[in-house]
């Protein structure tokens, strides 16, 4: 896990304080960038490409885009091949750089090409915009607020309070949590601090000093009602194996800790029987914890 911070004004001391507050998210490095319009911060946990070339904030070759990113893009090598065939040159072996040039090629639609988990911000200097995005299921957190016409964002809520945001309880969120054990929508437990919903992106205009739009780029498709049990079993098996294989991509040792289990359903004369105390265990060959 890494951590990202940022806001749409210049303050080098403030971004350093925000980075310090989320240092537990990224013990392997800290970085920041600021110009007249935007300040970005990053705490790094090294997973892919351990070199300094993969440090963040990261810039494209023309210094028109700046990125801070938390997560992993599992299919980044496939996307990188498409971009290289289109003439894009890479300096690192990181998935972060693939995000940068994907945005350069496809704009906000770049997220439709990614298989992974992410929360990232791209400062588009040429078009004077800040682009935020969160993965399809919201595995990576991303919070934001608007204060005096400026956008502030972070991987965690605590850094917002050094911006002078009051710690006011949000009654809407409390009601939602007590009803559903989850805070629905974009609300959080604090007034005026919001979460970017899963499978959503945001564009903030630096010239207009406001959010241009927040939109959902993906939704769960309806299931195929004509699918047979055998087809469903085959697809689940293939998807699970593919998911495990993709998550083995790492430049550091990895391991798996599983909670719970999958209980297979046995068929006996057309009837389903669910055996008790039967767990399916997954091992990742060649990798240690």
Foldseek 3Di string as FASTA:
>chain_A
DKKKKKKFADDPVLLVVLCVVVLVRAVPDKDWDDDGTMIMIMHHDAWFFPDPQPDPQHAAPVRQKTKYKDWAFLCLVVLVVVVVVVPGDDDTRGSRVSLVVLCVVPNPCSLVVTDIFMWMWMQRNVQQKIKTAGAQQRPQWKKWFADPLMIIIISDDVSVVVVVADFAADPQQVVVCVVPVGRDDQDDRGPRMTIQDHQKMWMAHSVVSGTPDIDRPDDDDDDDPPDDPVNVVVVVVVVVVVVVVSVCDTPDADFDDDDDFDFDWDADPNDTDTDPPDGDDDGDPPGDD
